[in-house]
N, C-alpha and C. Protein backbone atom coordinates (compact mmCIF):
# COMPACT_ATOMS: atom_id res chain seq x y z
N MET A 1 0.85 -1.18 0.00
CA MET A 1 0.00 0.00 0.00
C MET A 1 0.89 1.24 0.00
N THR A 2 0.66 2.14 -0.90
CA THR A 2 1.39 3.40 -0.97
C THR A 2 0.44 4.52 -0.59
N ALA A 3 0.98 5.74 -0.52
CA ALA A 3 0.12 6.89 -0.21
C ALA A 3 -0.98 7.03 -1.27
N ALA A 4 -0.67 6.63 -2.51
CA ALA A 4 -1.66 6.73 -3.58
C ALA A 4 -2.65 5.57 -3.56
N GLU A 5 -2.35 4.53 -2.79
CA GLU A 5 -3.22 3.35 -2.72
C GLU A 5 -3.61 3.07 -1.27
N PRO A 6 -4.57 3.79 -0.72
CA PRO A 6 -4.97 3.52 0.66
C PRO A 6 -5.64 2.15 0.78
N HIS A 7 -5.55 1.58 1.97
CA HIS A 7 -6.26 0.33 2.23
C HIS A 7 -7.73 0.68 2.46
N LEU A 8 -8.60 0.13 1.65
CA LEU A 8 -10.04 0.39 1.77
C LEU A 8 -10.70 -0.81 2.42
N GLN A 9 -11.43 -0.55 3.49
CA GLN A 9 -12.16 -1.61 4.17
C GLN A 9 -13.64 -1.44 3.84
N PHE A 10 -14.27 -2.51 3.33
CA PHE A 10 -15.69 -2.44 3.02
C PHE A 10 -16.51 -2.37 4.31
N ILE A 11 -17.48 -1.46 4.32
CA ILE A 11 -18.41 -1.30 5.44
C ILE A 11 -19.80 -1.10 4.83
N THR A 12 -20.78 -1.82 5.33
CA THR A 12 -22.15 -1.64 4.85
C THR A 12 -22.86 -0.60 5.69
N GLN A 13 -23.74 0.17 5.07
CA GLN A 13 -24.57 1.11 5.82
C GLN A 13 -25.82 0.43 6.33
N ARG A 14 -26.11 -0.75 5.84
CA ARG A 14 -27.34 -1.44 6.19
C ARG A 14 -27.35 -1.85 7.64
N PRO A 15 -28.46 -1.84 8.30
CA PRO A 15 -29.81 -1.68 7.77
C PRO A 15 -30.25 -0.22 7.65
N ARG A 16 -29.37 0.73 7.93
CA ARG A 16 -29.73 2.15 7.78
C ARG A 16 -30.09 2.46 6.34
N GLU A 17 -30.98 3.41 6.14
CA GLU A 17 -31.29 3.86 4.79
C GLU A 17 -30.61 5.19 4.50
N ASP A 18 -30.00 5.80 5.51
CA ASP A 18 -29.26 7.03 5.29
C ASP A 18 -27.79 6.77 5.64
N GLY A 19 -26.97 7.77 5.45
CA GLY A 19 -25.58 7.65 5.88
C GLY A 19 -24.60 7.16 4.85
N CYS A 20 -24.99 7.02 3.58
CA CYS A 20 -24.07 6.48 2.58
C CYS A 20 -22.84 7.37 2.41
N GLY A 21 -23.01 8.69 2.48
CA GLY A 21 -21.85 9.58 2.35
C GLY A 21 -20.89 9.43 3.51
N VAL A 22 -21.44 9.32 4.72
CA VAL A 22 -20.60 9.14 5.90
C VAL A 22 -19.87 7.79 5.82
N VAL A 23 -20.59 6.74 5.45
CA VAL A 23 -19.97 5.41 5.36
C VAL A 23 -18.92 5.38 4.25
N THR A 24 -19.18 6.08 3.14
CA THR A 24 -18.19 6.15 2.07
C THR A 24 -16.89 6.78 2.58
N LEU A 25 -17.00 7.88 3.32
CA LEU A 25 -15.80 8.51 3.89
C LEU A 25 -15.18 7.63 4.96
N GLN A 26 -15.99 6.89 5.69
CA GLN A 26 -15.49 5.95 6.69
C GLN A 26 -14.62 4.88 6.02
N MET A 27 -15.10 4.32 4.91
CA MET A 27 -14.31 3.31 4.19
C MET A 27 -13.02 3.91 3.67
N LEU A 28 -13.08 5.15 3.22
CA LEU A 28 -11.93 5.82 2.62
C LEU A 28 -10.87 6.17 3.66
N THR A 29 -11.30 6.67 4.81
CA THR A 29 -10.36 7.19 5.81
C THR A 29 -9.97 6.20 6.90
N GLY A 30 -10.83 5.19 7.14
CA GLY A 30 -10.56 4.27 8.24
C GLY A 30 -11.05 4.78 9.58
N GLN A 31 -11.66 5.97 9.62
CA GLN A 31 -12.19 6.50 10.86
C GLN A 31 -13.56 5.91 11.14
N SER A 32 -14.02 6.02 12.39
CA SER A 32 -15.32 5.46 12.75
C SER A 32 -16.45 6.32 12.18
N TYR A 33 -17.64 5.72 12.11
CA TYR A 33 -18.83 6.44 11.64
C TYR A 33 -19.03 7.70 12.48
N ASP A 34 -18.96 7.55 13.80
CA ASP A 34 -19.21 8.70 14.68
C ASP A 34 -18.17 9.80 14.49
N GLU A 35 -16.90 9.44 14.28
CA GLU A 35 -15.86 10.44 14.03
C GLU A 35 -16.15 11.23 12.76
N ILE A 36 -16.52 10.52 11.70
CA ILE A 36 -16.81 11.19 10.43
C ILE A 36 -18.10 12.01 10.55
N ALA A 37 -19.15 11.42 11.13
CA ALA A 37 -20.44 12.12 11.25
C ALA A 37 -20.30 13.42 12.05
N ALA A 38 -19.39 13.44 13.03
CA ALA A 38 -19.20 14.63 13.86
C ALA A 38 -18.63 15.81 13.06
N LEU A 39 -18.08 15.55 11.88
CA LEU A 39 -17.49 16.61 11.06
C LEU A 39 -18.51 17.34 10.19
N PHE A 40 -19.73 16.83 10.13
CA PHE A 40 -20.78 17.43 9.31
C PHE A 40 -21.68 18.32 10.17
N ASP A 41 -22.30 19.29 9.54
CA ASP A 41 -23.31 20.11 10.20
C ASP A 41 -24.67 19.49 9.90
N TRP A 42 -25.27 18.86 10.89
CA TRP A 42 -26.55 18.19 10.70
C TRP A 42 -27.71 19.07 11.15
N SER A 43 -27.48 20.35 11.37
CA SER A 43 -28.53 21.27 11.83
C SER A 43 -29.75 21.18 10.92
N GLY A 44 -30.89 20.97 11.52
CA GLY A 44 -32.14 20.94 10.78
C GLY A 44 -32.37 19.67 9.98
N LYS A 45 -31.49 18.70 10.10
CA LYS A 45 -31.65 17.44 9.35
C LYS A 45 -32.03 16.32 10.32
N THR A 46 -32.95 15.48 9.90
CA THR A 46 -33.34 14.35 10.73
C THR A 46 -32.61 13.07 10.32
N HIS A 47 -32.02 13.09 9.11
CA HIS A 47 -31.29 11.92 8.61
C HIS A 47 -29.89 12.36 8.19
N HIS A 48 -28.98 11.42 8.18
CA HIS A 48 -27.62 11.70 7.73
C HIS A 48 -27.55 11.58 6.21
N GLN A 49 -28.13 12.54 5.52
CA GLN A 49 -28.08 12.58 4.07
C GLN A 49 -27.10 13.66 3.65
N THR A 50 -26.26 13.34 2.66
CA THR A 50 -25.20 14.25 2.24
C THR A 50 -25.28 14.51 0.73
N ASN A 51 -24.56 15.54 0.31
CA ASN A 51 -24.40 15.84 -1.10
C ASN A 51 -22.95 16.26 -1.31
N TRP A 52 -22.60 16.59 -2.55
CA TRP A 52 -21.21 16.98 -2.82
C TRP A 52 -20.77 18.15 -1.95
N SER A 53 -21.65 19.13 -1.75
CA SER A 53 -21.24 20.31 -0.97
C SER A 53 -21.01 19.97 0.50
N ASP A 54 -21.54 18.85 0.97
CA ASP A 54 -21.25 18.38 2.32
C ASP A 54 -19.95 17.57 2.36
N LEU A 55 -19.81 16.65 1.41
CA LEU A 55 -18.68 15.71 1.43
C LEU A 55 -17.33 16.36 1.15
N ARG A 56 -17.29 17.22 0.15
CA ARG A 56 -16.01 17.78 -0.29
C ARG A 56 -15.27 18.54 0.82
N PRO A 57 -15.91 19.46 1.54
CA PRO A 57 -15.17 20.19 2.58
C PRO A 57 -14.72 19.28 3.73
N VAL A 58 -15.53 18.28 4.07
CA VAL A 58 -15.14 17.37 5.14
C VAL A 58 -13.89 16.59 4.74
N LEU A 59 -13.89 16.04 3.54
CA LEU A 59 -12.74 15.28 3.08
C LEU A 59 -11.50 16.17 2.95
N ALA A 60 -11.67 17.38 2.44
CA ALA A 60 -10.54 18.32 2.33
C ALA A 60 -10.00 18.67 3.71
N SER A 61 -10.88 18.80 4.71
CA SER A 61 -10.42 19.13 6.07
C SER A 61 -9.58 18.01 6.66
N LEU A 62 -9.75 16.80 6.14
CA LEU A 62 -8.97 15.65 6.59
C LEU A 62 -7.67 15.50 5.79
N GLY A 63 -7.41 16.45 4.88
CA GLY A 63 -6.16 16.45 4.14
C GLY A 63 -6.18 15.74 2.80
N TRP A 64 -7.32 15.24 2.38
CA TRP A 64 -7.42 14.55 1.11
C TRP A 64 -7.42 15.56 -0.03
N GLN A 65 -6.75 15.21 -1.13
CA GLN A 65 -6.78 16.03 -2.34
C GLN A 65 -7.95 15.56 -3.18
N LEU A 66 -8.70 16.52 -3.70
CA LEU A 66 -9.91 16.20 -4.45
C LEU A 66 -9.84 16.77 -5.86
N GLY A 67 -10.31 15.98 -6.81
CA GLY A 67 -10.48 16.49 -8.17
C GLY A 67 -11.77 17.27 -8.25
N GLU A 68 -12.05 17.77 -9.42
CA GLU A 68 -13.31 18.48 -9.67
C GLU A 68 -14.44 17.46 -9.84
N ILE A 69 -15.65 17.90 -9.60
CA ILE A 69 -16.81 17.05 -9.85
C ILE A 69 -16.95 16.92 -11.37
N LYS A 70 -16.98 15.68 -11.83
CA LYS A 70 -17.07 15.44 -13.27
C LYS A 70 -18.27 14.54 -13.57
N ALA A 71 -18.95 14.86 -14.65
CA ALA A 71 -20.02 13.98 -15.13
C ALA A 71 -19.37 12.71 -15.66
N VAL A 72 -20.11 11.62 -15.61
CA VAL A 72 -19.55 10.34 -16.03
C VAL A 72 -20.56 9.61 -16.91
N ALA A 73 -20.05 9.03 -17.99
CA ALA A 73 -20.92 8.28 -18.90
C ALA A 73 -20.86 6.78 -18.62
N GLY A 74 -19.77 6.32 -18.05
CA GLY A 74 -19.61 4.90 -17.75
C GLY A 74 -18.45 4.69 -16.79
N TRP A 75 -18.38 3.52 -16.22
CA TRP A 75 -17.34 3.22 -15.23
C TRP A 75 -15.94 3.35 -15.82
N ASP A 76 -15.78 3.13 -17.12
CA ASP A 76 -14.48 3.25 -17.76
C ASP A 76 -13.95 4.68 -17.76
N ASP A 77 -14.82 5.65 -17.53
CA ASP A 77 -14.39 7.06 -17.46
C ASP A 77 -13.59 7.33 -16.18
N ILE A 78 -13.73 6.47 -15.19
CA ILE A 78 -13.07 6.67 -13.90
C ILE A 78 -11.83 5.80 -13.86
N ARG A 79 -10.66 6.41 -13.85
CA ARG A 79 -9.40 5.67 -13.93
C ARG A 79 -8.64 5.60 -12.60
N ASP A 80 -9.11 6.32 -11.60
CA ASP A 80 -8.43 6.37 -10.31
C ASP A 80 -9.43 6.09 -9.20
N LEU A 81 -8.98 6.24 -7.98
CA LEU A 81 -9.86 6.09 -6.83
C LEU A 81 -10.80 7.29 -6.79
N ALA A 82 -12.10 7.02 -6.65
CA ALA A 82 -13.09 8.10 -6.71
C ALA A 82 -14.29 7.82 -5.82
N ILE A 83 -14.89 8.92 -5.36
CA ILE A 83 -16.22 8.87 -4.78
C ILE A 83 -17.17 9.09 -5.94
N VAL A 84 -18.18 8.25 -6.04
CA VAL A 84 -19.09 8.31 -7.18
C VAL A 84 -20.52 8.53 -6.67
N HIS A 85 -21.19 9.50 -7.30
CA HIS A 85 -22.60 9.74 -7.02
C HIS A 85 -23.38 8.96 -8.07
N VAL A 86 -24.27 8.10 -7.61
CA VAL A 86 -25.03 7.23 -8.52
C VAL A 86 -26.53 7.48 -8.35
N MET A 87 -27.31 6.92 -9.29
CA MET A 87 -28.77 7.08 -9.26
C MET A 87 -29.33 6.68 -7.89
N ASP A 88 -30.45 7.26 -7.61
CA ASP A 88 -31.16 7.12 -6.33
C ASP A 88 -30.45 7.87 -5.22
N ASP A 89 -29.69 8.92 -5.61
CA ASP A 89 -29.03 9.81 -4.64
C ASP A 89 -28.20 9.04 -3.63
N HIS A 90 -27.19 8.36 -4.12
CA HIS A 90 -26.37 7.46 -3.32
C HIS A 90 -24.90 7.70 -3.64
N PHE A 91 -24.04 7.56 -2.63
CA PHE A 91 -22.59 7.68 -2.82
C PHE A 91 -21.93 6.34 -2.56
N MET A 92 -20.85 6.09 -3.31
CA MET A 92 -20.06 4.87 -3.13
C MET A 92 -18.63 5.17 -3.58
N LEU A 93 -17.74 4.21 -3.32
CA LEU A 93 -16.35 4.31 -3.79
C LEU A 93 -16.15 3.39 -4.98
N TYR A 94 -15.28 3.81 -5.88
CA TYR A 94 -14.87 2.95 -6.99
C TYR A 94 -13.38 3.14 -7.21
N ASN A 95 -12.65 2.05 -7.25
CA ASN A 95 -11.23 2.10 -7.56
C ASN A 95 -11.07 1.78 -9.05
N GLY A 96 -10.90 2.81 -9.86
CA GLY A 96 -10.79 2.64 -11.30
C GLY A 96 -9.53 1.92 -11.73
N ARG A 97 -8.50 1.89 -10.88
CA ARG A 97 -7.27 1.18 -11.22
C ARG A 97 -7.45 -0.32 -11.10
N SER A 98 -8.22 -0.76 -10.10
CA SER A 98 -8.41 -2.19 -9.88
C SER A 98 -9.79 -2.68 -10.33
N GLY A 99 -10.71 -1.74 -10.62
CA GLY A 99 -12.05 -2.12 -11.03
C GLY A 99 -12.90 -2.68 -9.91
N VAL A 100 -12.66 -2.22 -8.67
CA VAL A 100 -13.37 -2.74 -7.50
C VAL A 100 -14.35 -1.69 -6.99
N PHE A 101 -15.58 -2.14 -6.68
CA PHE A 101 -16.67 -1.29 -6.20
C PHE A 101 -16.85 -1.47 -4.69
N TYR A 102 -17.01 -0.36 -3.98
CA TYR A 102 -17.28 -0.36 -2.55
C TYR A 102 -18.60 0.38 -2.36
N ASP A 103 -19.69 -0.36 -2.46
CA ASP A 103 -21.03 0.21 -2.38
C ASP A 103 -21.59 -0.04 -0.99
N PRO A 104 -21.73 1.00 -0.15
CA PRO A 104 -22.21 0.77 1.22
C PRO A 104 -23.64 0.25 1.31
N TRP A 105 -24.40 0.26 0.20
CA TRP A 105 -25.75 -0.28 0.26
C TRP A 105 -25.74 -1.80 0.17
N GLU A 106 -24.65 -2.40 -0.28
CA GLU A 106 -24.55 -3.86 -0.36
C GLU A 106 -24.32 -4.43 1.03
N TRP A 107 -24.76 -5.66 1.23
CA TRP A 107 -24.53 -6.34 2.51
C TRP A 107 -23.09 -6.81 2.63
N GLU A 108 -22.51 -7.20 1.48
CA GLU A 108 -21.14 -7.71 1.47
C GLU A 108 -20.36 -7.01 0.37
N GLY A 109 -19.07 -6.97 0.51
CA GLY A 109 -18.23 -6.34 -0.49
C GLY A 109 -16.78 -6.48 -0.12
N PRO A 110 -15.92 -5.92 -0.90
CA PRO A 110 -16.19 -5.20 -2.14
C PRO A 110 -16.61 -6.13 -3.27
N GLN A 111 -17.10 -5.52 -4.35
CA GLN A 111 -17.62 -6.27 -5.49
C GLN A 111 -16.80 -6.00 -6.75
N GLN A 112 -16.88 -6.92 -7.68
CA GLN A 112 -16.20 -6.75 -8.98
C GLN A 112 -17.12 -6.15 -10.04
N THR A 113 -18.41 -6.07 -9.75
CA THR A 113 -19.38 -5.50 -10.69
C THR A 113 -20.36 -4.61 -9.92
N SER A 114 -21.03 -3.75 -10.66
CA SER A 114 -22.08 -2.91 -10.07
C SER A 114 -23.15 -2.64 -11.12
N ASN A 115 -24.39 -2.66 -10.69
CA ASN A 115 -25.51 -2.31 -11.57
C ASN A 115 -25.91 -0.85 -11.43
N ARG A 116 -25.17 -0.10 -10.61
CA ARG A 116 -25.50 1.30 -10.37
C ARG A 116 -25.29 2.14 -11.63
N VAL A 117 -26.13 3.16 -11.78
CA VAL A 117 -25.99 4.11 -12.88
C VAL A 117 -25.27 5.33 -12.31
N GLN A 118 -24.08 5.57 -12.83
CA GLN A 118 -23.25 6.65 -12.32
C GLN A 118 -23.67 8.00 -12.88
N LEU A 119 -23.58 9.04 -12.03
CA LEU A 119 -23.94 10.40 -12.42
C LEU A 119 -22.72 11.31 -12.49
N SER A 120 -21.94 11.29 -11.41
CA SER A 120 -20.75 12.15 -11.34
C SER A 120 -19.76 11.53 -10.37
N PHE A 121 -18.51 12.02 -10.45
CA PHE A 121 -17.49 11.49 -9.55
C PHE A 121 -16.45 12.56 -9.23
N VAL A 122 -15.73 12.30 -8.15
CA VAL A 122 -14.59 13.12 -7.73
C VAL A 122 -13.45 12.17 -7.42
N THR A 123 -12.30 12.36 -8.08
CA THR A 123 -11.14 11.54 -7.73
C THR A 123 -10.58 12.03 -6.40
N VAL A 124 -10.02 11.10 -5.64
CA VAL A 124 -9.48 11.42 -4.32
C VAL A 124 -8.08 10.84 -4.18
N THR A 125 -7.22 11.60 -3.51
CA THR A 125 -5.85 11.17 -3.23
C THR A 125 -5.62 11.36 -1.74
N PRO A 126 -5.08 10.35 -1.06
CA PRO A 126 -4.89 10.43 0.38
C PRO A 126 -3.92 11.56 0.78
N PRO A 127 -4.01 11.97 2.03
CA PRO A 127 -3.08 12.99 2.52
C PRO A 127 -1.64 12.49 2.42
N LYS A 128 -0.73 13.40 2.21
CA LYS A 128 0.68 13.03 2.23
C LYS A 128 1.12 12.99 3.68
N ASP A 129 1.95 12.01 4.01
CA ASP A 129 2.43 11.89 5.41
C ASP A 129 3.36 13.00 5.78
């Protein structure tokens, strides 16, 4: 494992129906759900639902380098490690170098295939030591 290749541990969000963004960052950083959730402003929210404007500043505050939000036509468009926004307003990780999917909505993982329809993605690079 190098700085460019973090160890990703699969974690399911189930049985929760919310929290996919938090769980995605949890898989990426190795921090606990509660540690990651504490970094968000949940004022006025009853569920842990996130969007790009929530995720990006939290990840940047943890030292991760982020690419721009890019539209995606297919999984082949993603060549590096990325957070991917998919249909049904859901976030997951995809390692474009290895072709491995980390979808927190699955009970088990990681997976070699995904039926998700991708909308946009942001490439991520771990903090430098």
